[in-house]
Amino acid sequence: MDEDKDVIIAICKYIYLNWISKAKSQREFASKCEIEESTVRKIKNIALGTSSTEYNMSLKTLVKICRKKEISLEDFFRNINKF
C-alpha cells in the first residue's frame, strides 16, 4: 500500500515541480490542460505534503496534462523513474 502512495506522490511532485509551479497560476494551468482547478490543487497539495494521498489521478487527467505538455506517457513515466 505504501508503494502505491509513493507512486502517487512521485507523479504529483513531478507535475507540480516541472509544470504547475512554473505556470502563471493554478487556474491558467488548469485551463490550458482542460482539467478542473480543484484537480490542480489536489496535485499541488500532495506534492507539497499538505494533503493525504487519497487522491488517485485518473489516466484521462494524466493524458490531458501530458498532451498539453507534449510528452508521451512513456516519456513521462521514464522521467518519473529518474525523478
PDB file of N, CA and C in Angstrom:
ATOM      1  N   MET A   1       0.818  -1.201   0.000  1.00  0.00           N
ATOM      2  CA  MET A   1       0.000   0.000   0.000  1.00  0.00           C
ATOM      3  C   MET A   1       0.860   1.262   0.000  1.00  0.00           C
ATOM      4  N   ASP A   2       1.954   1.284   0.756  1.00  0.00           N
ATOM      5  CA  ASP A   2       2.832   2.445   0.780  1.00  0.00           C
ATOM      6  C   ASP A   2       3.465   2.688  -0.587  1.00  0.00           C
ATOM      7  N   GLU A   3       3.729   1.604  -1.307  1.00  0.00           N
ATOM      8  CA  GLU A   3       4.307   1.730  -2.640  1.00  0.00           C
ATOM      9  C   GLU A   3       3.353   2.485  -3.566  1.00  0.00           C
ATOM     10  N   ASP A   4       2.062   2.212  -3.451  1.00  0.00           N
ATOM     11  CA  ASP A   4       1.056   2.929  -4.254  1.00  0.00           C
ATOM     12  C   ASP A   4       1.098   4.420  -3.927  1.00  0.00           C
ATOM     13  N   LYS A   5       1.171   4.751  -2.639  1.00  0.00           N
ATOM     14  CA  LYS A   5       1.221   6.155  -2.226  1.00  0.00           C
ATOM     15  C   LYS A   5       2.495   6.818  -2.748  1.00  0.00           C
ATOM     16  N   ASP A   6       3.605   6.092  -2.726  1.00  0.00           N
ATOM     17  CA  ASP A   6       4.867   6.640  -3.224  1.00  0.00           C
ATOM     18  C   ASP A   6       4.774   6.997  -4.698  1.00  0.00           C
ATOM     19  N   VAL A   7       4.074   6.157  -5.463  1.00  0.00           N
ATOM     20  CA  VAL A   7       3.896   6.420  -6.893  1.00  0.00           C
ATOM     21  C   VAL A   7       3.047   7.669  -7.084  1.00  0.00           C
ATOM     22  N   ILE A   8       1.959   7.781  -6.350  1.00  0.00           N
ATOM     23  CA  ILE A   8       1.082   8.948  -6.446  1.00  0.00           C
ATOM     24  C   ILE A   8       1.853  10.217  -6.090  1.00  0.00           C
ATOM     25  N   ILE A   9       2.625  10.161  -5.027  1.00  0.00           N
ATOM     26  CA  ILE A   9       3.410  11.322  -4.595  1.00  0.00           C
ATOM     27  C   ILE A   9       4.434  11.696  -5.663  1.00  0.00           C
ATOM     28  N   ALA A  10       5.110  10.712  -6.227  1.00  0.00           N
ATOM     29  CA  ALA A  10       6.122  10.982  -7.261  1.00  0.00           C
ATOM     30  C   ALA A  10       5.493  11.638  -8.489  1.00  0.00           C
ATOM     31  N   ILE A  11       4.350  11.147  -8.914  1.00  0.00           N
ATOM     32  CA  ILE A  11       3.652  11.722 -10.069  1.00  0.00           C
ATOM     33  C   ILE A  11       3.248  13.162  -9.785  1.00  0.00           C
ATOM     34  N   CYS A  12       2.661  13.397  -8.631  1.00  0.00           N
ATOM     35  CA  CYS A  12       2.215  14.747  -8.276  1.00  0.00           C
ATOM     36  C   CYS A  12       3.395  15.704  -8.123  1.00  0.00           C
ATOM     37  N   LYS A  13       4.460  15.245  -7.498  1.00  0.00           N
ATOM     38  CA  LYS A  13       5.641  16.101  -7.346  1.00  0.00           C
ATOM     39  C   LYS A  13       6.219  16.477  -8.708  1.00  0.00           C
ATOM     40  N   TYR A  14       6.309  15.514  -9.598  1.00  0.00           N
ATOM     41  CA  TYR A  14       6.851  15.790 -10.926  1.00  0.00           C
ATOM     42  C   TYR A  14       6.002  16.835 -11.649  1.00  0.00           C
ATOM     43  N   ILE A  15       4.696  16.631 -11.651  1.00  0.00           N
ATOM     44  CA  ILE A  15       3.796  17.564 -12.332  1.00  0.00           C
ATOM     45  C   ILE A  15       3.867  18.942 -11.683  1.00  0.00           C
ATOM     46  N   TYR A  16       3.857  18.973 -10.370  1.00  0.00           N
ATOM     47  CA  TYR A  16       3.886  20.264  -9.683  1.00  0.00           C
ATOM     48  C   TYR A  16       5.208  20.991  -9.911  1.00  0.00           C
ATOM     49  N   LEU A  17       6.315  20.333  -9.661  1.00  0.00           N
ATOM     50  CA  LEU A  17       7.620  20.999  -9.747  1.00  0.00           C
ATOM     51  C   LEU A  17       8.001  21.398 -11.171  1.00  0.00           C
ATOM     52  N   ASN A  18       7.636  20.591 -12.138  1.00  0.00           N
ATOM     53  CA  ASN A  18       8.030  20.864 -13.517  1.00  0.00           C
ATOM     54  C   ASN A  18       7.053  21.734 -14.292  1.00  0.00           C
ATOM     55  N   TRP A  19       5.778  21.733 -13.909  1.00  0.00           N
ATOM     56  CA  TRP A  19       4.796  22.432 -14.715  1.00  0.00           C
ATOM     57  C   TRP A  19       3.905  23.392 -13.933  1.00  0.00           C
ATOM     58  N   ILE A  20       3.248  22.923 -12.897  1.00  0.00           N
ATOM     59  CA  ILE A  20       2.299  23.790 -12.187  1.00  0.00           C
ATOM     60  C   ILE A  20       3.017  24.976 -11.557  1.00  0.00           C
ATOM     61  N   SER A  21       4.125  24.731 -10.886  1.00  0.00           N
ATOM     62  CA  SER A  21       4.831  25.820 -10.196  1.00  0.00           C
ATOM     63  C   SER A  21       5.400  26.852 -11.166  1.00  0.00           C
ATOM     64  N   LYS A  22       5.538  26.494 -12.420  1.00  0.00           N
ATOM     65  CA  LYS A  22       6.082  27.409 -13.424  1.00  0.00           C
ATOM     66  C   LYS A  22       4.997  28.150 -14.204  1.00  0.00           C
ATOM     67  N   ALA A  23       3.757  27.758 -13.983  1.00  0.00           N
ATOM     68  CA  ALA A  23       2.635  28.425 -14.660  1.00  0.00           C
ATOM     69  C   ALA A  23       2.346  29.761 -13.975  1.00  0.00           C
ATOM     70  N   LYS A  24       1.679  30.668 -14.689  1.00  0.00           N
ATOM     71  CA  LYS A  24       1.303  31.954 -14.093  1.00  0.00           C
ATOM     72  C   LYS A  24       0.435  31.748 -12.863  1.00  0.00           C
ATOM     73  N   SER A  25      -0.466  30.775 -12.964  1.00  0.00           N
ATOM     74  CA  SER A  25      -1.373  30.479 -11.854  1.00  0.00           C
ATOM     75  C   SER A  25      -1.893  29.054 -12.003  1.00  0.00           C
ATOM     76  N   GLN A  26      -2.470  28.558 -10.925  1.00  0.00           N
ATOM     77  CA  GLN A  26      -3.087  27.232 -10.978  1.00  0.00           C
ATOM     78  C   GLN A  26      -4.262  27.234 -11.947  1.00  0.00           C
ATOM     79  N   ARG A  27      -4.982  28.338 -11.962  1.00  0.00           N
ATOM     80  CA  ARG A  27      -6.141  28.465 -12.863  1.00  0.00           C
ATOM     81  C   ARG A  27      -5.696  28.389 -14.322  1.00  0.00           C
ATOM     82  N   GLU A  28      -4.595  29.090 -14.640  1.00  0.00           N
ATOM     83  CA  GLU A  28      -4.082  29.070 -16.006  1.00  0.00           C
ATOM     84  C   GLU A  28      -3.662  27.645 -16.401  1.00  0.00           C
ATOM     85  N   PHE A  29      -2.956  26.956 -15.522  1.00  0.00           N
ATOM     86  CA  PHE A  29      -2.523  25.590 -15.810  1.00  0.00           C
ATOM     87  C   PHE A  29      -3.735  24.696 -16.048  1.00  0.00           C
ATOM     88  N   ALA A  30      -4.724  24.811 -15.181  1.00  0.00           N
ATOM     89  CA  ALA A  30      -5.940  24.001 -15.317  1.00  0.00           C
ATOM     90  C   ALA A  30      -6.628  24.279 -16.648  1.00  0.00           C
ATOM     91  N   SER A  31      -6.754  25.545 -16.979  1.00  0.00           N
ATOM     92  CA  SER A  31      -7.421  25.921 -18.216  1.00  0.00           C
ATOM     93  C   SER A  31      -6.678  25.390 -19.442  1.00  0.00           C
ATOM     94  N   LYS A  32      -5.367  25.565 -19.463  1.00  0.00           N
ATOM     95  CA  LYS A  32      -4.576  25.099 -20.606  1.00  0.00           C
ATOM     96  C   LYS A  32      -4.629  23.583 -20.764  1.00  0.00           C
ATOM     97  N   CYS A  33      -4.689  22.874 -19.637  1.00  0.00           N
ATOM     98  CA  CYS A  33      -4.707  21.406 -19.695  1.00  0.00           C
ATOM     99  C   CYS A  33      -6.114  20.829 -19.746  1.00  0.00           C
ATOM    100  N   GLU A  34      -7.110  21.730 -19.698  1.00  0.00           N
ATOM    101  CA  GLU A  34      -8.518  21.319 -19.758  1.00  0.00           C
ATOM    102  C   GLU A  34      -8.882  20.368 -18.619  1.00  0.00           C
ATOM    103  N   ILE A  35      -8.418  20.743 -17.403  1.00  0.00           N
ATOM    104  CA  ILE A  35      -8.767  19.989 -16.196  1.00  0.00           C
ATOM    105  C   ILE A  35      -9.325  20.979 -15.177  1.00  0.00           C
ATOM    106  N   GLU A  36      -9.946  20.465 -14.147  1.00  0.00           N
ATOM    107  CA  GLU A  36     -10.526  21.310 -13.113  1.00  0.00           C
ATOM    108  C   GLU A  36      -9.419  21.931 -12.250  1.00  0.00           C
ATOM    109  N   GLU A  37      -9.637  23.152 -11.821  1.00  0.00           N
ATOM    110  CA  GLU A  37      -8.668  23.798 -10.927  1.00  0.00           C
ATOM    111  C   GLU A  37      -8.547  23.037  -9.614  1.00  0.00           C
ATOM    112  N   SER A  38      -9.629  22.420  -9.168  1.00  0.00           N
ATOM    113  CA  SER A  38      -9.582  21.631  -7.931  1.00  0.00           C
ATOM    114  C   SER A  38      -8.629  20.437  -8.080  1.00  0.00           C
ATOM    115  N   THR A  39      -8.522  19.899  -9.282  1.00  0.00           N
ATOM    116  CA  THR A  39      -7.580  18.809  -9.550  1.00  0.00           C
ATOM    117  C   THR A  39      -6.152  19.317  -9.416  1.00  0.00           C
ATOM    118  N   VAL A  40      -5.894  20.509  -9.931  1.00  0.00           N
ATOM    119  CA  VAL A  40      -4.559  21.101  -9.818  1.00  0.00           C
ATOM    120  C   VAL A  40      -4.216  21.318  -8.346  1.00  0.00           C
ATOM    121  N   ARG A  41      -5.182  21.791  -7.567  1.00  0.00           N
ATOM    122  CA  ARG A  41      -4.944  21.987  -6.127  1.00  0.00           C
ATOM    123  C   ARG A  41      -4.624  20.668  -5.437  1.00  0.00           C
ATOM    124  N   LYS A  42      -5.328  19.610  -5.800  1.00  0.00           N
ATOM    125  CA  LYS A  42      -5.050  18.295  -5.205  1.00  0.00           C
ATOM    126  C   LYS A  42      -3.635  17.843  -5.533  1.00  0.00           C
ATOM    127  N   ILE A  43      -3.231  18.007  -6.780  1.00  0.00           N
ATOM    128  CA  ILE A  43      -1.885  17.631  -7.202  1.00  0.00           C
ATOM    129  C   ILE A  43      -0.854  18.432  -6.403  1.00  0.00           C
ATOM    130  N   LYS A  44      -1.066  19.737  -6.309  1.00  0.00           N
ATOM    131  CA  LYS A  44      -0.152  20.609  -5.571  1.00  0.00           C
ATOM    132  C   LYS A  44      -0.064  20.195  -4.107  1.00  0.00           C
ATOM    133  N   ASN A  45      -1.194  19.985  -3.466  1.00  0.00           N
ATOM    134  CA  ASN A  45      -1.209  19.648  -2.044  1.00  0.00           C
ATOM    135  C   ASN A  45      -0.519  18.321  -1.753  1.00  0.00           C
ATOM    136  N   ILE A  46      -0.689  17.357  -2.624  1.00  0.00           N
ATOM    137  CA  ILE A  46       0.007  16.075  -2.443  1.00  0.00           C
ATOM    138  C   ILE A  46       1.500  16.274  -2.659  1.00  0.00           C
ATOM    139  N   ALA A  47       1.868  17.031  -3.672  1.00  0.00           N
ATOM    140  CA  ALA A  47       3.285  17.276  -3.966  1.00  0.00           C
ATOM    141  C   ALA A  47       3.981  17.965  -2.800  1.00  0.00           C
ATOM    142  N   LEU A  48       3.280  18.887  -2.156  1.00  0.00           N
ATOM    143  CA  LEU A  48       3.866  19.641  -1.054  1.00  0.00           C
ATOM    144  C   LEU A  48       3.694  18.954   0.302  1.00  0.00           C
ATOM    145  N   GLY A  49       2.976  17.832   0.306  1.00  0.00           N
ATOM    146  CA  GLY A  49       2.774  17.083   1.549  1.00  0.00           C
ATOM    147  C   GLY A  49       1.758  17.697   2.483  1.00  0.00           C
ATOM    148  N   THR A  50       0.897  18.576   1.952  1.00  0.00           N
ATOM    149  CA  THR A  50      -0.112  19.224   2.786  1.00  0.00           C
ATOM    150  C   THR A  50      -1.474  18.545   2.695  1.00  0.00           C
ATOM    151  N   SER A  51      -1.511  17.405   2.023  1.00  0.00           N
ATOM    152  CA  SER A  51      -2.769  16.676   1.857  1.00  0.00           C
ATOM    153  C   SER A  51      -2.472  15.180   1.874  1.00  0.00           C
ATOM    154  N   SER A  52      -3.481  14.417   2.205  1.00  0.00           N
ATOM    155  CA  SER A  52      -3.317  12.964   2.176  1.00  0.00           C
ATOM    156  C   SER A  52      -3.201  12.489   0.731  1.00  0.00           C
ATOM    157  N   THR A  53      -2.739  11.283   0.568  1.00  0.00           N
ATOM    158  CA  THR A  53      -2.553  10.734  -0.782  1.00  0.00           C
ATOM    159  C   THR A  53      -3.756   9.898  -1.217  1.00  0.00           C
ATOM    160  N   GLU A  54      -4.915  10.260  -0.738  1.00  0.00           N
ATOM    161  CA  GLU A  54      -6.124   9.511  -1.094  1.00  0.00           C
ATOM    162  C   GLU A  54      -6.583   9.811  -2.515  1.00  0.00           C
ATOM    163  N   TYR A  55      -6.035  10.842  -3.120  1.00  0.00           N
ATOM    164  CA  TYR A  55      -6.407  11.205  -4.484  1.00  0.00           C
ATOM    165  C   TYR A  55      -5.713  10.273  -5.474  1.00  0.00           C
ATOM    166  N   ASN A  56      -6.492   9.678  -6.342  1.00  0.00           N
ATOM    167  CA  ASN A  56      -5.954   8.834  -7.405  1.00  0.00           C
ATOM    168  C   ASN A  56      -6.258   9.509  -8.732  1.00  0.00           C
ATOM    169  N   MET A  57      -5.248  10.114  -9.311  1.00  0.00           N
ATOM    170  CA  MET A  57      -5.422  10.809 -10.567  1.00  0.00           C
ATOM    171  C   MET A  57      -5.876   9.823 -11.641  1.00  0.00           C
ATOM    172  N   SER A  58      -6.847  10.232 -12.414  1.00  0.00           N
ATOM    173  CA  SER A  58      -7.311   9.351 -13.485  1.00  0.00           C
ATOM    174  C   SER A  58      -6.307   9.372 -14.635  1.00  0.00           C
ATOM    175  N   LEU A  59      -6.311   8.317 -15.388  1.00  0.00           N
ATOM    176  CA  LEU A  59      -5.460   8.243 -16.568  1.00  0.00           C
ATOM    177  C   LEU A  59      -5.856   9.335 -17.553  1.00  0.00           C
ATOM    178  N   LYS A  60      -7.143   9.613 -17.634  1.00  0.00           N
ATOM    179  CA  LYS A  60      -7.645  10.661 -18.530  1.00  0.00           C
ATOM    180  C   LYS A  60      -7.020  12.012 -18.185  1.00  0.00           C
ATOM    181  N   THR A  61      -6.938  12.327 -16.900  1.00  0.00           N
ATOM    182  CA  THR A  61      -6.325  13.580 -16.461  1.00  0.00           C
ATOM    183  C   THR A  61      -4.850  13.605 -16.811  1.00  0.00           C
ATOM    184  N   LEU A  62      -4.159  12.521 -16.551  1.00  0.00           N
ATOM    185  CA  LEU A  62      -2.736  12.453 -16.854  1.00  0.00           C
ATOM    186  C   LEU A  62      -2.479  12.595 -18.361  1.00  0.00           C
ATOM    187  N   VAL A  63      -3.318  11.969 -19.160  1.00  0.00           N
ATOM    188  CA  VAL A  63      -3.191  12.070 -20.617  1.00  0.00           C
ATOM    189  C   VAL A  63      -3.390  13.518 -21.072  1.00  0.00           C
ATOM    190  N   LYS A  64      -4.390  14.206 -20.524  1.00  0.00           N
ATOM    191  CA  LYS A  64      -4.631  15.602 -20.889  1.00  0.00           C
ATOM    192  C   LYS A  64      -3.414  16.467 -20.582  1.00  0.00           C
ATOM    193  N   ILE A  65      -2.862  16.287 -19.395  1.00  0.00           N
ATOM    194  CA  ILE A  65      -1.689  17.071 -18.995  1.00  0.00           C
ATOM    195  C   ILE A  65      -0.513  16.773 -19.914  1.00  0.00           C
ATOM    196  N   CYS A  66      -0.257  15.502 -20.152  1.00  0.00           N
ATOM    197  CA  CYS A  66       0.882  15.114 -20.995  1.00  0.00           C
ATOM    198  C   CYS A  66       0.722  15.620 -22.420  1.00  0.00           C
ATOM    199  N   ARG A  67      -0.477  15.560 -22.952  1.00  0.00           N
ATOM    200  CA  ARG A  67      -0.702  16.063 -24.321  1.00  0.00           C
ATOM    201  C   ARG A  67      -0.406  17.551 -24.410  1.00  0.00           C
ATOM    202  N   LYS A  68      -0.886  18.316 -23.444  1.00  0.00           N
ATOM    203  CA  LYS A  68      -0.654  19.762 -23.461  1.00  0.00           C
ATOM    204  C   LYS A  68       0.816  20.089 -23.259  1.00  0.00           C
ATOM    205  N   LYS A  69       1.527  19.238 -22.558  1.00  0.00           N
ATOM    206  CA  LYS A  69       2.960  19.448 -22.322  1.00  0.00           C
ATOM    207  C   LYS A  69       3.808  18.748 -23.371  1.00  0.00           C
ATOM    208  N   GLU A  70       3.147  18.154 -24.343  1.00  0.00           N
ATOM    209  CA  GLU A  70       3.800  17.499 -25.479  1.00  0.00           C
ATOM    210  C   GLU A  70       4.831  16.453 -25.043  1.00  0.00           C
ATOM    211  N   ILE A  71       4.389  15.594 -24.150  1.00  0.00           N
ATOM    212  CA  ILE A  71       5.223  14.494 -23.681  1.00  0.00           C
ATOM    213  C   ILE A  71       4.390  13.215 -23.725  1.00  0.00           C
ATOM    214  N   SER A  72       4.981  12.142 -24.197  1.00  0.00           N
ATOM    215  CA  SER A  72       4.255  10.868 -24.243  1.00  0.00           C
ATOM    216  C   SER A  72       4.163  10.296 -22.830  1.00  0.00           C
ATOM    217  N   LEU A  73       3.200   9.426 -22.629  1.00  0.00           N
ATOM    218  CA  LEU A  73       3.097   8.763 -21.326  1.00  0.00           C
ATOM    219  C   LEU A  73       4.361   7.956 -21.035  1.00  0.00           C
ATOM    220  N   GLU A  74       4.902   7.341 -22.069  1.00  0.00           N
ATOM    221  CA  GLU A  74       6.131   6.566 -21.903  1.00  0.00           C
ATOM    222  C   GLU A  74       7.258   7.461 -21.374  1.00  0.00           C
ATOM    223  N   ASP A  75       7.441   8.618 -21.985  1.00  0.00           N
ATOM    224  CA  ASP A  75       8.488   9.539 -21.532  1.00  0.00           C
ATOM    225  C   ASP A  75       8.181  10.098 -20.150  1.00  0.00           C
ATOM    226  N   PHE A  76       6.911  10.367 -19.893  1.00  0.00           N
ATOM    227  CA  PHE A  76       6.516  10.869 -18.575  1.00  0.00           C
ATOM    228  C   PHE A  76       6.929   9.884 -17.489  1.00  0.00           C
ATOM    229  N   PHE A  77       6.579   8.622 -17.667  1.00  0.00           N
ATOM    230  CA  PHE A  77       6.907   7.634 -16.637  1.00  0.00           C
ATOM    231  C   PHE A  77       8.400   7.351 -16.575  1.00  0.00           C
ATOM    232  N   ARG A  78       9.078   7.473 -17.690  1.00  0.00           N
ATOM    233  CA  ARG A  78      10.539   7.351 -17.681  1.00  0.00           C
ATOM    234  C   ARG A  78      11.138   8.468 -16.817  1.00  0.00           C
ATOM    235  N   ASN A  79      10.608   9.674 -16.972  1.00  0.00           N
ATOM    236  CA  ASN A  79      11.077  10.809 -16.179  1.00  0.00           C
ATOM    237  C   ASN A  79      10.752  10.638 -14.696  1.00  0.00           C
ATOM    238  N   ILE A  80       9.605  10.052 -14.402  1.00  0.00           N
ATOM    239  CA  ILE A  80       9.227   9.796 -13.007  1.00  0.00           C
ATOM    240  C   ILE A  80      10.246   8.855 -12.369  1.00  0.00           C
ATOM    241  N   ASN A  81      10.671   7.851 -13.094  1.00  0.00           N
ATOM    242  CA  ASN A  81      11.657   6.903 -12.561  1.00  0.00           C
ATOM    243  C   ASN A  81      12.995   7.567 -12.280  1.00  0.00           C
ATOM    244  N   LYS A  82      13.344   8.592 -13.055  1.00  0.00           N
ATOM    245  CA  LYS A  82      14.596   9.321 -12.844  1.00  0.00           C
ATOM    246  C   LYS A  82      14.477  10.323 -11.705  1.00  0.00           C
ATOM    247  N   PHE A  83      13.264  10.752 -11.440  1.00  0.00           N
ATOM    248  CA  PHE A  83      12.973  11.826 -10.508  1.00  0.00           C
ATOM    249  C   PHE A  83      13.301  11.477  -9.098  1.00  0.00           C
TER     250      PHE A  83
END
